Amino acid sequence: MSYPLVILLCVATLQQTSRAVLMDKLADNKLCADAECSYALSMATALDDFIAPDCRFINIKRGQMVYVYSKLVPEEGAGVFWSGSVYGERYVDQMGLIGYFPATMLRETQKFTEETVQIPTTKMDFFCE
């Protein structure tokens, strides 16, 4: 087998298995409970259903509990989005997925911390698989 053919097969295989996409940034900064955004800021209840328009977002259903890990600092004229994961027995297939949703879709029911750290977002904050 020739080397060009092997290289071509490897590239074709990588393209088929790699579906990662870097999406546009939604904001330049975010508020988190810690520098790694690993601790939840709050728990919230979804006020209505939200269908994710693209891979940066997650679906949430009315009444569903959501852990909020970060709050994007909105640019002028931009929407306010939070990042988190759903919780509950319903829609178990989405548990553990972290994504964005409009802040207006939720009502915070429990704040875990009042203190936040503002950190810059990176391209990886908007990375989709």
N, C-alpha and C. Protein backbone atom coordinates (compact mmCIF):
# COMPACT_ATOMS: atom_id res chain seq x y z
N MET A 1 0.87 -1.18 0.00
CA MET A 1 0.00 0.00 0.00
C MET A 1 0.90 1.23 0.00
N SER A 2 0.56 2.20 -0.79
CA SER A 2 1.39 3.40 -0.89
C SER A 2 1.07 4.38 0.23
N TYR A 3 2.07 5.19 0.57
CA TYR A 3 1.90 6.16 1.64
C TYR A 3 0.81 7.19 1.36
N PRO A 4 0.70 7.72 0.13
CA PRO A 4 -0.38 8.68 -0.12
C PRO A 4 -1.77 8.07 0.13
N LEU A 5 -1.94 6.81 -0.20
CA LEU A 5 -3.24 6.15 0.02
C LEU A 5 -3.52 6.01 1.52
N VAL A 6 -2.49 5.65 2.29
CA VAL A 6 -2.64 5.53 3.76
C VAL A 6 -3.01 6.87 4.36
N ILE A 7 -2.33 7.92 3.92
CA ILE A 7 -2.62 9.27 4.44
C ILE A 7 -4.04 9.68 4.09
N LEU A 8 -4.46 9.40 2.87
CA LEU A 8 -5.82 9.73 2.45
C LEU A 8 -6.86 8.99 3.28
N LEU A 9 -6.62 7.72 3.55
CA LEU A 9 -7.55 6.94 4.38
C LEU A 9 -7.61 7.48 5.81
N CYS A 10 -6.47 7.87 6.36
CA CYS A 10 -6.44 8.42 7.72
C CYS A 10 -7.21 9.73 7.80
N VAL A 11 -7.01 10.61 6.84
CA VAL A 11 -7.72 11.89 6.82
C VAL A 11 -9.22 11.66 6.68
N ALA A 12 -9.63 10.77 5.81
CA ALA A 12 -11.05 10.47 5.62
C ALA A 12 -11.67 9.93 6.90
N THR A 13 -10.94 9.06 7.61
CA THR A 13 -11.44 8.51 8.86
C THR A 13 -11.59 9.60 9.91
N LEU A 14 -10.61 10.47 10.02
CA LEU A 14 -10.68 11.56 11.00
C LEU A 14 -11.85 12.49 10.71
N GLN A 15 -12.09 12.79 9.45
CA GLN A 15 -13.20 13.68 9.10
C GLN A 15 -14.54 13.05 9.45
N GLN A 16 -14.66 11.74 9.32
CA GLN A 16 -15.92 11.08 9.62
C GLN A 16 -16.17 10.99 11.12
N THR A 17 -15.12 10.81 11.92
CA THR A 17 -15.31 10.65 13.35
C THR A 17 -15.30 11.97 14.10
N SER A 18 -14.75 13.01 13.54
CA SER A 18 -14.66 14.30 14.21
C SER A 18 -15.79 15.21 13.74
N ARG A 19 -16.71 15.49 14.65
CA ARG A 19 -17.82 16.36 14.33
C ARG A 19 -17.78 17.62 15.19
N ALA A 20 -16.64 17.91 15.76
CA ALA A 20 -16.49 19.06 16.64
C ALA A 20 -16.59 20.35 15.85
N VAL A 21 -17.24 21.33 16.46
CA VAL A 21 -17.46 22.62 15.81
C VAL A 21 -17.21 23.74 16.81
N LEU A 22 -16.46 24.75 16.40
CA LEU A 22 -16.32 25.95 17.21
C LEU A 22 -17.38 26.94 16.75
N MET A 23 -18.25 27.33 17.65
CA MET A 23 -19.34 28.24 17.33
C MET A 23 -18.96 29.66 17.75
N ASP A 24 -19.75 30.63 17.29
CA ASP A 24 -19.52 32.03 17.68
C ASP A 24 -19.67 32.18 19.19
N LYS A 25 -18.87 33.10 19.74
CA LYS A 25 -18.96 33.39 21.17
C LYS A 25 -20.25 34.17 21.44
N LEU A 26 -20.88 33.85 22.55
CA LEU A 26 -22.10 34.56 22.96
C LEU A 26 -21.77 35.76 23.84
N ALA A 27 -20.59 35.77 24.46
CA ALA A 27 -20.16 36.87 25.32
C ALA A 27 -18.65 36.76 25.53
N ASP A 28 -18.04 37.85 25.96
CA ASP A 28 -16.60 37.85 26.20
C ASP A 28 -16.24 37.49 27.64
N ASN A 29 -17.20 37.61 28.57
CA ASN A 29 -16.94 37.34 29.98
C ASN A 29 -18.10 36.56 30.59
N LYS A 30 -17.78 35.87 31.70
CA LYS A 30 -18.80 35.13 32.42
C LYS A 30 -18.55 35.24 33.92
N LEU A 31 -19.62 35.07 34.68
CA LEU A 31 -19.55 35.07 36.14
C LEU A 31 -19.65 33.64 36.62
N CYS A 32 -18.75 33.24 37.51
CA CYS A 32 -18.72 31.89 38.04
C CYS A 32 -18.51 31.93 39.55
N ALA A 33 -18.72 30.79 40.20
CA ALA A 33 -18.49 30.70 41.64
C ALA A 33 -17.00 30.55 41.95
N ASP A 34 -16.23 30.02 40.97
CA ASP A 34 -14.79 29.84 41.15
C ASP A 34 -14.12 30.01 39.79
N ALA A 35 -12.80 30.06 39.78
CA ALA A 35 -12.05 30.34 38.55
C ALA A 35 -12.21 29.26 37.48
N GLU A 36 -12.61 28.06 37.86
CA GLU A 36 -12.80 26.98 36.89
C GLU A 36 -14.27 26.77 36.52
N CYS A 37 -15.16 27.51 37.12
CA CYS A 37 -16.61 27.35 36.92
C CYS A 37 -17.06 25.93 37.24
N SER A 38 -16.44 25.32 38.23
CA SER A 38 -16.77 23.93 38.55
C SER A 38 -17.84 23.81 39.64
N TYR A 39 -18.11 24.88 40.35
CA TYR A 39 -19.15 24.85 41.38
C TYR A 39 -20.39 25.57 40.88
N ALA A 40 -21.55 25.04 41.23
CA ALA A 40 -22.81 25.66 40.82
C ALA A 40 -23.04 26.96 41.57
N LEU A 41 -23.52 27.95 40.83
CA LEU A 41 -23.91 29.23 41.44
C LEU A 41 -25.26 29.11 42.12
N SER A 42 -26.16 28.38 41.45
CA SER A 42 -27.52 28.30 41.97
C SER A 42 -28.26 27.12 41.36
N MET A 43 -29.45 26.90 41.91
CA MET A 43 -30.41 25.94 41.38
C MET A 43 -31.59 26.77 40.90
N ALA A 44 -32.17 26.39 39.77
CA ALA A 44 -33.27 27.15 39.21
C ALA A 44 -34.34 26.20 38.67
N THR A 45 -35.54 26.74 38.48
CA THR A 45 -36.65 25.99 37.90
C THR A 45 -37.01 26.61 36.56
N ALA A 46 -37.17 25.77 35.56
CA ALA A 46 -37.54 26.24 34.22
C ALA A 46 -38.99 26.73 34.24
N LEU A 47 -39.20 27.94 33.74
CA LEU A 47 -40.54 28.53 33.70
C LEU A 47 -41.30 28.11 32.45
N ASP A 48 -40.58 27.66 31.44
CA ASP A 48 -41.20 27.27 30.18
C ASP A 48 -40.25 26.32 29.45
N ASP A 49 -40.74 25.69 28.40
CA ASP A 49 -39.88 24.84 27.57
C ASP A 49 -38.94 25.71 26.75
N PHE A 50 -37.75 25.20 26.51
CA PHE A 50 -36.79 25.85 25.63
C PHE A 50 -36.17 24.78 24.74
N ILE A 51 -36.26 24.99 23.44
CA ILE A 51 -35.67 24.07 22.46
C ILE A 51 -34.36 24.69 21.98
N ALA A 52 -33.29 23.94 22.13
CA ALA A 52 -31.95 24.43 21.77
C ALA A 52 -31.86 24.72 20.27
N PRO A 53 -31.47 25.95 19.90
CA PRO A 53 -31.35 26.29 18.48
C PRO A 53 -30.09 25.73 17.82
N ASP A 54 -29.06 25.43 18.63
CA ASP A 54 -27.84 24.83 18.10
C ASP A 54 -27.12 24.11 19.23
N CYS A 55 -25.96 23.55 18.93
CA CYS A 55 -25.26 22.68 19.87
C CYS A 55 -24.67 23.39 21.10
N ARG A 56 -24.66 24.70 21.14
CA ARG A 56 -24.18 25.41 22.32
C ARG A 56 -25.20 25.38 23.45
N PHE A 57 -26.43 25.12 23.12
CA PHE A 57 -27.55 25.20 24.05
C PHE A 57 -28.04 23.81 24.46
N ILE A 58 -28.82 23.75 25.53
CA ILE A 58 -29.48 22.50 25.93
C ILE A 58 -30.98 22.74 25.96
N ASN A 59 -31.73 21.67 25.76
CA ASN A 59 -33.19 21.71 25.89
C ASN A 59 -33.54 21.69 27.36
N ILE A 60 -34.52 22.48 27.73
CA ILE A 60 -35.06 22.41 29.08
C ILE A 60 -36.57 22.36 28.98
N LYS A 61 -37.19 21.70 29.94
CA LYS A 61 -38.65 21.56 29.97
C LYS A 61 -39.21 22.30 31.18
N ARG A 62 -40.38 22.84 31.02
CA ARG A 62 -41.05 23.57 32.11
C ARG A 62 -41.09 22.71 33.37
N GLY A 63 -40.71 23.31 34.49
CA GLY A 63 -40.70 22.63 35.77
C GLY A 63 -39.42 21.88 36.08
N GLN A 64 -38.57 21.74 35.10
CA GLN A 64 -37.32 21.00 35.29
C GLN A 64 -36.35 21.81 36.14
N MET A 65 -35.60 21.11 36.99
CA MET A 65 -34.58 21.75 37.81
C MET A 65 -33.30 21.86 37.00
N VAL A 66 -32.59 22.98 37.15
CA VAL A 66 -31.37 23.25 36.40
C VAL A 66 -30.31 23.77 37.36
N TYR A 67 -29.11 23.18 37.29
CA TYR A 67 -27.97 23.72 38.01
C TYR A 67 -27.33 24.79 37.13
N VAL A 68 -27.11 25.98 37.69
CA VAL A 68 -26.51 27.09 36.95
C VAL A 68 -25.03 27.19 37.36
N TYR A 69 -24.13 27.02 36.37
CA TYR A 69 -22.69 27.06 36.64
C TYR A 69 -22.05 28.38 36.26
N SER A 70 -22.59 29.06 35.27
CA SER A 70 -22.04 30.36 34.91
C SER A 70 -23.12 31.24 34.32
N LYS A 71 -22.88 32.53 34.39
CA LYS A 71 -23.79 33.53 33.82
C LYS A 71 -22.96 34.40 32.90
N LEU A 72 -23.31 34.39 31.61
CA LEU A 72 -22.57 35.22 30.66
C LEU A 72 -22.86 36.69 30.93
N VAL A 73 -21.83 37.50 30.83
CA VAL A 73 -21.97 38.95 30.98
C VAL A 73 -22.37 39.47 29.60
N PRO A 74 -23.60 39.97 29.46
CA PRO A 74 -24.09 40.33 28.12
C PRO A 74 -23.39 41.54 27.53
N GLU A 75 -23.21 41.48 26.23
CA GLU A 75 -22.73 42.63 25.48
C GLU A 75 -23.94 43.55 25.27
N GLU A 76 -23.71 44.78 24.90
CA GLU A 76 -24.82 45.69 24.66
C GLU A 76 -25.69 45.15 23.52
N GLY A 77 -26.97 45.03 23.77
CA GLY A 77 -27.90 44.55 22.76
C GLY A 77 -27.95 43.04 22.62
N ALA A 78 -27.16 42.31 23.43
CA ALA A 78 -27.15 40.85 23.35
C ALA A 78 -28.06 40.27 24.42
N GLY A 79 -28.48 39.05 24.20
CA GLY A 79 -29.32 38.35 25.18
C GLY A 79 -28.51 37.93 26.39
N VAL A 80 -29.22 37.63 27.46
CA VAL A 80 -28.59 37.16 28.69
C VAL A 80 -28.72 35.64 28.73
N PHE A 81 -27.57 34.97 28.72
CA PHE A 81 -27.58 33.51 28.75
C PHE A 81 -26.82 33.00 29.96
N TRP A 82 -27.32 31.91 30.51
CA TRP A 82 -26.65 31.21 31.59
C TRP A 82 -26.24 29.85 31.08
N SER A 83 -25.31 29.23 31.78
CA SER A 83 -24.84 27.89 31.43
C SER A 83 -25.14 26.97 32.60
N GLY A 84 -25.57 25.76 32.29
CA GLY A 84 -25.84 24.81 33.35
C GLY A 84 -26.23 23.46 32.81
N SER A 85 -26.72 22.62 33.73
CA SER A 85 -27.16 21.28 33.35
C SER A 85 -28.50 20.99 34.01
N VAL A 86 -29.29 20.16 33.34
CA VAL A 86 -30.61 19.82 33.86
C VAL A 86 -30.49 18.76 34.94
N TYR A 87 -31.51 18.68 35.76
CA TYR A 87 -31.54 17.73 36.86
C TYR A 87 -32.96 17.20 37.00
N GLY A 88 -33.10 15.94 37.25
CA GLY A 88 -34.41 15.38 37.53
C GLY A 88 -34.62 14.04 36.85
N GLU A 89 -35.67 13.33 37.26
CA GLU A 89 -35.96 12.02 36.71
C GLU A 89 -36.46 12.10 35.27
N ARG A 90 -37.17 13.18 34.93
CA ARG A 90 -37.60 13.35 33.55
C ARG A 90 -36.42 13.75 32.70
N TYR A 91 -36.37 13.30 31.48
CA TYR A 91 -35.33 13.67 30.53
C TYR A 91 -33.94 13.30 31.04
N VAL A 92 -33.83 12.09 31.58
CA VAL A 92 -32.58 11.60 32.15
C VAL A 92 -31.47 11.61 31.10
N ASP A 93 -31.83 11.45 29.83
CA ASP A 93 -30.82 11.42 28.77
C ASP A 93 -30.04 12.72 28.67
N GLN A 94 -30.56 13.81 29.21
CA GLN A 94 -29.86 15.09 29.14
C GLN A 94 -29.08 15.40 30.41
N MET A 95 -29.25 14.61 31.45
CA MET A 95 -28.54 14.89 32.70
C MET A 95 -27.04 14.81 32.46
N GLY A 96 -26.32 15.77 32.98
CA GLY A 96 -24.87 15.81 32.82
C GLY A 96 -24.42 16.65 31.63
N LEU A 97 -25.33 16.92 30.69
CA LEU A 97 -24.97 17.79 29.58
C LEU A 97 -24.98 19.23 30.05
N ILE A 98 -23.96 19.96 29.68
CA ILE A 98 -23.88 21.37 30.06
C ILE A 98 -24.03 22.20 28.80
N GLY A 99 -24.89 23.21 28.89
CA GLY A 99 -25.10 24.09 27.75
C GLY A 99 -25.76 25.38 28.20
N TYR A 100 -26.03 26.23 27.22
CA TYR A 100 -26.60 27.54 27.50
C TYR A 100 -28.11 27.54 27.32
N PHE A 101 -28.75 28.52 27.94
CA PHE A 101 -30.20 28.73 27.84
C PHE A 101 -30.45 30.18 28.24
N PRO A 102 -31.56 30.77 27.78
CA PRO A 102 -31.86 32.15 28.16
C PRO A 102 -32.15 32.25 29.66
N ALA A 103 -31.57 33.23 30.30
CA ALA A 103 -31.80 33.44 31.73
C ALA A 103 -33.27 33.70 32.03
N THR A 104 -33.98 34.27 31.07
CA THR A 104 -35.39 34.60 31.29
C THR A 104 -36.27 33.36 31.37
N MET A 105 -35.73 32.20 31.01
CA MET A 105 -36.49 30.95 31.04
C MET A 105 -36.49 30.31 32.42
N LEU A 106 -35.73 30.89 33.36
CA LEU A 106 -35.57 30.27 34.67
C LEU A 106 -35.89 31.22 35.81
N ARG A 107 -36.25 30.61 36.94
CA ARG A 107 -36.40 31.35 38.20
C ARG A 107 -35.46 30.68 39.19
N GLU A 108 -34.50 31.45 39.70
CA GLU A 108 -33.57 30.88 40.67
C GLU A 108 -34.34 30.56 41.95
N THR A 109 -34.17 29.34 42.43
CA THR A 109 -34.86 28.91 43.64
C THR A 109 -33.93 28.81 44.84
N GLN A 110 -32.64 28.62 44.56
CA GLN A 110 -31.66 28.53 45.64
C GLN A 110 -30.30 29.02 45.14
N LYS A 111 -29.77 30.01 45.82
CA LYS A 111 -28.42 30.50 45.49
C LYS A 111 -27.43 29.81 46.43
N PHE A 112 -26.37 29.26 45.83
CA PHE A 112 -25.36 28.59 46.63
C PHE A 112 -24.26 29.53 47.07
N THR A 113 -24.09 30.64 46.35
CA THR A 113 -23.08 31.63 46.70
C THR A 113 -23.51 32.99 46.18
N GLU A 114 -23.14 34.03 46.89
CA GLU A 114 -23.39 35.40 46.45
C GLU A 114 -22.16 35.98 45.76
N GLU A 115 -21.00 35.40 46.08
CA GLU A 115 -19.75 35.91 45.53
C GLU A 115 -19.45 35.23 44.19
N THR A 116 -19.07 36.04 43.22
CA THR A 116 -18.75 35.50 41.91
C THR A 116 -17.39 36.02 41.44
N VAL A 117 -16.83 35.31 40.48
CA VAL A 117 -15.58 35.69 39.85
C VAL A 117 -15.88 35.93 38.39
N GLN A 118 -15.47 37.08 37.85
CA GLN A 118 -15.66 37.35 36.43
C GLN A 118 -14.40 36.91 35.70
N ILE A 119 -14.59 36.03 34.72
CA ILE A 119 -13.46 35.55 33.94
C ILE A 119 -13.80 35.63 32.45
N PRO A 120 -12.78 35.76 31.62
CA PRO A 120 -13.04 35.82 30.18
C PRO A 120 -13.49 34.46 29.64
N THR A 121 -14.39 34.49 28.68
CA THR A 121 -14.76 33.25 28.00
C THR A 121 -13.67 32.92 26.97
N THR A 122 -13.62 31.68 26.59
CA THR A 122 -12.68 31.24 25.56
C THR A 122 -13.48 30.58 24.44
N LYS A 123 -12.82 30.28 23.35
CA LYS A 123 -13.49 29.58 22.25
C LYS A 123 -14.02 28.23 22.72
N MET A 124 -13.34 27.61 23.67
CA MET A 124 -13.77 26.30 24.16
C MET A 124 -15.09 26.37 24.94
N ASP A 125 -15.46 27.55 25.43
CA ASP A 125 -16.76 27.69 26.09
C ASP A 125 -17.91 27.49 25.11
N PHE A 126 -17.63 27.60 23.83
CA PHE A 126 -18.67 27.50 22.80
C PHE A 126 -18.35 26.40 21.80
N PHE A 127 -17.65 25.38 22.28
CA PHE A 127 -17.24 24.22 21.50
C PHE A 127 -18.37 23.21 21.48
N CYS A 128 -18.68 22.68 20.34
CA CYS A 128 -19.76 21.70 20.20
C CYS A 128 -19.23 20.39 19.65
N GLU A 129 -19.80 19.30 20.12
CA GLU A 129 -19.46 17.99 19.57
C GLU A 129 -20.64 17.41 18.85
